[in-house]
PDB file of N, CA and C in Angstrom:
ATOM      1  N   UNK A   1       1.656  29.835 -15.398  1.00  0.00           N
ATOM      2  CA  UNK A   1       1.393  30.056 -13.996  1.00  0.00           C
ATOM      3  C   UNK A   1       1.809  31.474 -13.622  1.00  0.00           C
ATOM      4  N   UNK A   2       0.842  32.263 -13.348  1.00  0.00           N
ATOM      5  CA  UNK A   2       1.102  33.650 -13.002  1.00  0.00           C
ATOM      6  C   UNK A   2       1.517  33.766 -11.546  1.00  0.00           C
ATOM      7  N   UNK A   3       0.969  32.941 -10.687  1.00  0.00           N
ATOM      8  CA  UNK A   3       1.307  33.006  -9.258  1.00  0.00           C
ATOM      9  C   UNK A   3       0.514  34.096  -8.563  1.00  0.00           C
ATOM     10  N   UNK A   4       1.145  34.727  -7.615  1.00  0.00           N
ATOM     11  CA  UNK A   4       0.439  35.735  -6.816  1.00  0.00           C
ATOM     12  C   UNK A   4       0.869  37.154  -7.167  1.00  0.00           C
ATOM     13  N   UNK A   5       1.472  37.347  -8.266  1.00  0.00           N
ATOM     14  CA  UNK A   5       1.952  38.674  -8.641  1.00  0.00           C
ATOM     15  C   UNK A   5       0.778  39.608  -8.899  1.00  0.00           C
ATOM     16  N   UNK A   6      -0.237  39.156  -9.627  1.00  0.00           N
ATOM     17  CA  UNK A   6      -1.365  40.007  -9.970  1.00  0.00           C
ATOM     18  C   UNK A   6      -2.514  39.915  -8.996  1.00  0.00           C
ATOM     19  N   UNK A   7      -2.281  39.316  -7.839  1.00  0.00           N
ATOM     20  CA  UNK A   7      -3.371  39.101  -6.877  1.00  0.00           C
ATOM     21  C   UNK A   7      -3.941  40.409  -6.340  1.00  0.00           C
ATOM     22  N   UNK A   8      -3.101  41.380  -6.085  1.00  0.00           N
ATOM     23  CA  UNK A   8      -3.559  42.648  -5.509  1.00  0.00           C
ATOM     24  C   UNK A   8      -4.508  43.380  -6.445  1.00  0.00           C
ATOM     25  N   UNK A   9      -4.311  43.272  -7.708  1.00  0.00           N
ATOM     26  CA  UNK A   9      -5.177  43.982  -8.655  1.00  0.00           C
ATOM     27  C   UNK A   9      -6.546  43.323  -8.768  1.00  0.00           C
ATOM     28  N   UNK A  10      -6.628  42.029  -8.447  1.00  0.00           N
ATOM     29  CA  UNK A  10      -7.902  41.326  -8.554  1.00  0.00           C
ATOM     30  C   UNK A  10      -8.777  41.538  -7.324  1.00  0.00           C
ATOM     31  N   UNK A  11      -8.191  41.958  -6.210  1.00  0.00           N
ATOM     32  CA  UNK A  11      -8.972  42.170  -4.997  1.00  0.00           C
ATOM     33  C   UNK A  11      -9.744  43.475  -5.084  1.00  0.00           C
ATOM     34  N   UNK A  12     -10.880  43.496  -4.415  1.00  0.00           N
ATOM     35  CA  UNK A  12     -11.684  44.717  -4.418  1.00  0.00           C
ATOM     36  C   UNK A  12     -11.048  45.761  -3.501  1.00  0.00           C
ATOM     37  N   UNK A  13     -11.529  46.965  -3.625  1.00  0.00           N
ATOM     38  CA  UNK A  13     -11.016  48.056  -2.794  1.00  0.00           C
ATOM     39  C   UNK A  13     -11.315  47.836  -1.323  1.00  0.00           C
ATOM     40  N   UNK A  14     -12.472  47.271  -1.040  1.00  0.00           N
ATOM     41  CA  UNK A  14     -12.845  46.997   0.349  1.00  0.00           C
ATOM     42  C   UNK A  14     -11.916  45.953   0.969  1.00  0.00           C
ATOM     43  N   UNK A  15     -11.594  44.921   0.214  1.00  0.00           N
ATOM     44  CA  UNK A  15     -10.687  43.886   0.710  1.00  0.00           C
ATOM     45  C   UNK A  15      -9.310  44.458   0.982  1.00  0.00           C
ATOM     46  N   UNK A  16      -8.821  45.305   0.086  1.00  0.00           N
ATOM     47  CA  UNK A  16      -7.513  45.925   0.305  1.00  0.00           C
ATOM     48  C   UNK A  16      -7.542  46.845   1.512  1.00  0.00           C
ATOM     49  N   UNK A  17      -8.651  47.564   1.730  1.00  0.00           N
ATOM     50  CA  UNK A  17      -8.764  48.459   2.883  1.00  0.00           C
ATOM     51  C   UNK A  17      -8.779  47.659   4.185  1.00  0.00           C
ATOM     52  N   UNK A  18      -9.540  46.568   4.213  1.00  0.00           N
ATOM     53  CA  UNK A  18      -9.605  45.732   5.416  1.00  0.00           C
ATOM     54  C   UNK A  18      -8.236  45.114   5.687  1.00  0.00           C
ATOM     55  N   UNK A  19      -7.559  44.642   4.664  1.00  0.00           N
ATOM     56  CA  UNK A  19      -6.218  44.081   4.837  1.00  0.00           C
ATOM     57  C   UNK A  19      -5.236  45.134   5.346  1.00  0.00           C
ATOM     58  N   UNK A  20      -5.386  46.361   4.894  1.00  0.00           N
ATOM     59  CA  UNK A  20      -4.510  47.430   5.370  1.00  0.00           C
ATOM     60  C   UNK A  20      -4.767  47.728   6.846  1.00  0.00           C
ATOM     61  N   UNK A  21      -6.033  47.738   7.246  1.00  0.00           N
ATOM     62  CA  UNK A  21      -6.367  47.979   8.657  1.00  0.00           C
ATOM     63  C   UNK A  21      -5.814  46.857   9.523  1.00  0.00           C
ATOM     64  N   UNK A  22      -5.994  45.611   9.095  1.00  0.00           N
ATOM     65  CA  UNK A  22      -5.454  44.478   9.861  1.00  0.00           C
ATOM     66  C   UNK A  22      -3.937  44.527   9.919  1.00  0.00           C
ATOM     67  N   UNK A  23      -3.303  44.939   8.841  1.00  0.00           N
ATOM     68  CA  UNK A  23      -1.851  45.078   8.839  1.00  0.00           C
ATOM     69  C   UNK A  23      -1.385  46.142   9.816  1.00  0.00           C
ATOM     70  N   UNK A  24      -2.104  47.254   9.862  1.00  0.00           N
ATOM     71  CA  UNK A  24      -1.754  48.315  10.810  1.00  0.00           C
ATOM     72  C   UNK A  24      -1.934  47.856  12.255  1.00  0.00           C
ATOM     73  N   UNK A  25      -3.036  47.156  12.531  1.00  0.00           N
ATOM     74  CA  UNK A  25      -3.287  46.670  13.892  1.00  0.00           C
ATOM     75  C   UNK A  25      -2.207  45.668  14.296  1.00  0.00           C
ATOM     76  N   UNK A  26      -1.813  44.800  13.371  1.00  0.00           N
ATOM     77  CA  UNK A  26      -0.756  43.834  13.674  1.00  0.00           C
ATOM     78  C   UNK A  26       0.573  44.544  13.917  1.00  0.00           C
ATOM     79  N   UNK A  27       0.817  45.616  13.169  1.00  0.00           N
ATOM     80  CA  UNK A  27       2.065  46.369  13.306  1.00  0.00           C
ATOM     81  C   UNK A  27       2.099  47.163  14.614  1.00  0.00           C
ATOM     82  N   UNK A  28       0.964  47.770  15.014  1.00  0.00           N
ATOM     83  CA  UNK A  28       0.918  48.671  16.171  1.00  0.00           C
ATOM     84  C   UNK A  28       0.176  48.045  17.345  1.00  0.00           C
ATOM     85  N   UNK A  29       0.237  46.734  17.479  1.00  0.00           N
ATOM     86  CA  UNK A  29      -0.531  46.057  18.524  1.00  0.00           C
ATOM     87  C   UNK A  29      -0.125  46.506  19.927  1.00  0.00           C
ATOM     88  N   UNK A  30       1.155  46.590  20.198  1.00  0.00           N
ATOM     89  CA  UNK A  30       1.610  46.969  21.538  1.00  0.00           C
ATOM     90  C   UNK A  30       1.179  48.384  21.887  1.00  0.00           C
ATOM     91  N   UNK A  31       1.336  49.307  20.959  1.00  0.00           N
ATOM     92  CA  UNK A  31       0.960  50.698  21.234  1.00  0.00           C
ATOM     93  C   UNK A  31      -0.538  50.835  21.477  1.00  0.00           C
ATOM     94  N   UNK A  32      -1.331  50.092  20.714  1.00  0.00           N
ATOM     95  CA  UNK A  32      -2.782  50.148  20.885  1.00  0.00           C
ATOM     96  C   UNK A  32      -3.167  49.608  22.268  1.00  0.00           C
ATOM     97  N   UNK A  33      -2.583  48.483  22.662  1.00  0.00           N
ATOM     98  CA  UNK A  33      -2.882  47.926  23.981  1.00  0.00           C
ATOM     99  C   UNK A  33      -2.396  48.841  25.095  1.00  0.00           C
ATOM    100  N   UNK A  34      -1.257  49.488  24.908  1.00  0.00           N
ATOM    101  CA  UNK A  34      -0.722  50.430  25.890  1.00  0.00           C
ATOM    102  C   UNK A  34      -1.686  51.599  26.096  1.00  0.00           C
ATOM    103  N   UNK A  35      -2.179  52.178  25.013  1.00  0.00           N
ATOM    104  CA  UNK A  35      -3.129  53.289  25.120  1.00  0.00           C
ATOM    105  C   UNK A  35      -4.457  52.840  25.726  1.00  0.00           C
ATOM    106  N   UNK A  36      -4.924  51.657  25.348  1.00  0.00           N
ATOM    107  CA  UNK A  36      -6.175  51.155  25.927  1.00  0.00           C
ATOM    108  C   UNK A  36      -6.041  50.927  27.427  1.00  0.00           C
ATOM    109  N   UNK A  37      -4.889  50.420  27.877  1.00  0.00           N
ATOM    110  CA  UNK A  37      -4.669  50.215  29.302  1.00  0.00           C
ATOM    111  C   UNK A  37      -4.781  51.534  30.058  1.00  0.00           C
ATOM    112  N   UNK A  38      -4.114  52.580  29.562  1.00  0.00           N
ATOM    113  CA  UNK A  38      -4.165  53.866  30.262  1.00  0.00           C
ATOM    114  C   UNK A  38      -5.543  54.509  30.166  1.00  0.00           C
ATOM    115  N   UNK A  39      -6.229  54.324  29.058  1.00  0.00           N
ATOM    116  CA  UNK A  39      -7.580  54.867  28.929  1.00  0.00           C
ATOM    117  C   UNK A  39      -8.525  54.193  29.924  1.00  0.00           C
ATOM    118  N   UNK A  40      -8.465  52.883  30.043  1.00  0.00           N
ATOM    119  CA  UNK A  40      -9.324  52.170  30.981  1.00  0.00           C
ATOM    120  C   UNK A  40      -8.965  52.529  32.422  1.00  0.00           C
ATOM    121  N   UNK A  41      -7.666  52.626  32.711  1.00  0.00           N
ATOM    122  CA  UNK A  41      -7.246  53.006  34.069  1.00  0.00           C
ATOM    123  C   UNK A  41      -7.721  54.419  34.400  1.00  0.00           C
ATOM    124  N   UNK A  42      -7.639  55.335  33.445  1.00  0.00           N
ATOM    125  CA  UNK A  42      -8.102  56.707  33.675  1.00  0.00           C
ATOM    126  C   UNK A  42      -9.601  56.744  33.947  1.00  0.00           C
ATOM    127  N   UNK A  43     -10.371  55.998  33.172  1.00  0.00           N
ATOM    128  CA  UNK A  43     -11.827  55.992  33.356  1.00  0.00           C
ATOM    129  C   UNK A  43     -12.186  55.399  34.722  1.00  0.00           C
ATOM    130  N   UNK A  44     -11.531  54.305  35.112  1.00  0.00           N
ATOM    131  CA  UNK A  44     -11.811  53.713  36.426  1.00  0.00           C
ATOM    132  C   UNK A  44     -11.410  54.649  37.556  1.00  0.00           C
ATOM    133  N   UNK A  45     -10.250  55.280  37.448  1.00  0.00           N
ATOM    134  CA  UNK A  45      -9.801  56.195  38.491  1.00  0.00           C
ATOM    135  C   UNK A  45     -10.717  57.407  38.577  1.00  0.00           C
ATOM    136  N   UNK A  46     -11.148  57.936  37.425  1.00  0.00           N
ATOM    137  CA  UNK A  46     -12.049  59.079  37.408  1.00  0.00           C
ATOM    138  C   UNK A  46     -13.386  58.711  38.055  1.00  0.00           C
ATOM    139  N   UNK A  47     -13.888  57.524  37.763  1.00  0.00           N
ATOM    140  CA  UNK A  47     -15.141  57.071  38.364  1.00  0.00           C
ATOM    141  C   UNK A  47     -14.989  56.911  39.872  1.00  0.00           C
ATOM    142  N   UNK A  48     -13.864  56.376  40.309  1.00  0.00           N
ATOM    143  CA  UNK A  48     -13.636  56.200  41.738  1.00  0.00           C
ATOM    144  C   UNK A  48     -13.562  57.533  42.458  1.00  0.00           C
ATOM    145  N   UNK A  49     -12.870  58.482  41.887  1.00  0.00           N
ATOM    146  CA  UNK A  49     -12.665  59.772  42.542  1.00  0.00           C
ATOM    147  C   UNK A  49     -13.892  60.678  42.462  1.00  0.00           C
ATOM    148  N   UNK A  50     -14.846  60.351  41.620  1.00  0.00           N
ATOM    149  CA  UNK A  50     -16.039  61.197  41.526  1.00  0.00           C
ATOM    150  C   UNK A  50     -17.040  60.894  42.630  1.00  0.00           C
ATOM    151  N   UNK A  51     -16.862  59.778  43.322  1.00  0.00           N
ATOM    152  CA  UNK A  51     -17.772  59.429  44.412  1.00  0.00           C
ATOM    153  C   UNK A  51     -17.409  60.223  45.663  1.00  0.00           C
ATOM    154  N   UNK A  52     -18.385  60.837  46.323  1.00  0.00           N
ATOM    155  CA  UNK A  52     -18.082  61.703  47.475  1.00  0.00           C
ATOM    156  C   UNK A  52     -17.398  60.980  48.628  1.00  0.00           C
ATOM    157  N   UNK A  53     -17.783  59.751  48.917  1.00  0.00           N
ATOM    158  CA  UNK A  53     -17.190  59.068  50.057  1.00  0.00           C
ATOM    159  C   UNK A  53     -15.696  58.801  49.847  1.00  0.00           C
ATOM    160  N   UNK A  54     -15.265  58.556  48.618  1.00  0.00           N
ATOM    161  CA  UNK A  54     -13.841  58.353  48.356  1.00  0.00           C
ATOM    162  C   UNK A  54     -13.107  59.685  48.293  1.00  0.00           C
ATOM    163  N   UNK A  55     -13.773  60.708  47.819  1.00  0.00           N
ATOM    164  CA  UNK A  55     -13.143  62.019  47.718  1.00  0.00           C
ATOM    165  C   UNK A  55     -12.849  62.585  49.098  1.00  0.00           C
ATOM    166  N   UNK A  56     -13.703  62.327  50.076  1.00  0.00           N
ATOM    167  CA  UNK A  56     -13.489  62.841  51.421  1.00  0.00           C
ATOM    168  C   UNK A  56     -12.262  62.215  52.078  1.00  0.00           C
ATOM    169  N   UNK A  57     -11.937  60.985  51.711  1.00  0.00           N
ATOM    170  CA  UNK A  57     -10.747  60.329  52.259  1.00  0.00           C
ATOM    171  C   UNK A  57      -9.505  61.128  51.883  1.00  0.00           C
ATOM    172  N   UNK A  58      -9.464  61.640  50.665  1.00  0.00           N
ATOM    173  CA  UNK A  58      -8.289  62.374  50.203  1.00  0.00           C
ATOM    174  C   UNK A  58      -8.267  63.804  50.732  1.00  0.00           C
ATOM    175  N   UNK A  59      -9.429  64.383  51.001  1.00  0.00           N
ATOM    176  CA  UNK A  59      -9.485  65.790  51.386  1.00  0.00           C
ATOM    177  C   UNK A  59      -9.334  65.973  52.890  1.00  0.00           C
ATOM    178  N   UNK A  60     -10.129  65.265  53.680  1.00  0.00           N
ATOM    179  CA  UNK A  60     -10.139  65.464  55.130  1.00  0.00           C
ATOM    180  C   UNK A  60      -9.165  64.512  55.816  1.00  0.00           C
ATOM    181  N   UNK A  61      -8.479  65.020  56.832  1.00  0.00           N
ATOM    182  CA  UNK A  61      -7.584  64.200  57.629  1.00  0.00           C
ATOM    183  C   UNK A  61      -8.212  64.064  59.021  1.00  0.00           C
ATOM    184  N   UNK A  62      -8.286  62.853  59.528  1.00  0.00           N
ATOM    185  CA  UNK A  62      -8.934  62.665  60.830  1.00  0.00           C
ATOM    186  C   UNK A  62      -8.128  63.298  61.957  1.00  0.00           C
ATOM    187  N   UNK A  63      -8.849  63.975  62.877  1.00  0.00           N
ATOM    188  CA  UNK A  63      -8.225  64.574  64.027  1.00  0.00           C
ATOM    189  C   UNK A  63      -7.604  65.941  63.779  1.00  0.00           C
ATOM    190  N   UNK A  64      -7.728  66.483  62.588  1.00  0.00           N
ATOM    191  CA  UNK A  64      -7.145  67.787  62.279  1.00  0.00           C
ATOM    192  C   UNK A  64      -8.282  68.794  62.131  1.00  0.00           C
ATOM    193  N   UNK A  65      -8.114  69.985  62.751  1.00  0.00           N
ATOM    194  CA  UNK A  65      -9.115  71.027  62.643  1.00  0.00           C
ATOM    195  C   UNK A  65      -9.046  71.609  61.232  1.00  0.00           C
ATOM    196  N   UNK A  66     -10.198  71.612  60.583  1.00  0.00           N
ATOM    197  CA  UNK A  66     -10.258  72.055  59.192  1.00  0.00           C
ATOM    198  C   UNK A  66     -10.517  73.558  59.157  1.00  0.00           C
ATOM    199  N   UNK A  67      -9.525  74.346  58.760  1.00  0.00           N
ATOM    200  CA  UNK A  67      -9.707  75.803  58.656  1.00  0.00           C
ATOM    201  C   UNK A  67     -10.399  76.191  57.360  1.00  0.00           C
ATOM    202  N   UNK A  68     -10.248  75.380  56.330  1.00  0.00           N
ATOM    203  CA  UNK A  68     -10.868  75.664  55.034  1.00  0.00           C
ATOM    204  C   UNK A  68     -12.113  74.806  54.892  1.00  0.00           C
ATOM    205  N   UNK A  69     -13.275  75.425  54.653  1.00  0.00           N
ATOM    206  CA  UNK A  69     -14.509  74.624  54.558  1.00  0.00           C
ATOM    207  C   UNK A  69     -14.614  73.814  53.275  1.00  0.00           C
ATOM    208  N   UNK A  70     -13.800  74.131  52.277  1.00  0.00           N
ATOM    209  CA  UNK A  70     -13.943  73.421  50.992  1.00  0.00           C
ATOM    210  C   UNK A  70     -12.772  72.521  50.765  1.00  0.00           C
TER     211      UNK A  70
END
């Protein structure tokens, strides 16, 4: 009974590569989710701020004379 000692040598290179990727994802799961959260939040915020009607809320203040046209 050899057991699982020689198992790694019998697997193909593709199987070892996929197992390595899954191992990395399992190891760095929190960091990956953290980066994805900020990436999605950035994209949503950028989309929101690119719309003119929302941008005017941040630029113009009601009741104040605007000396700068831009």
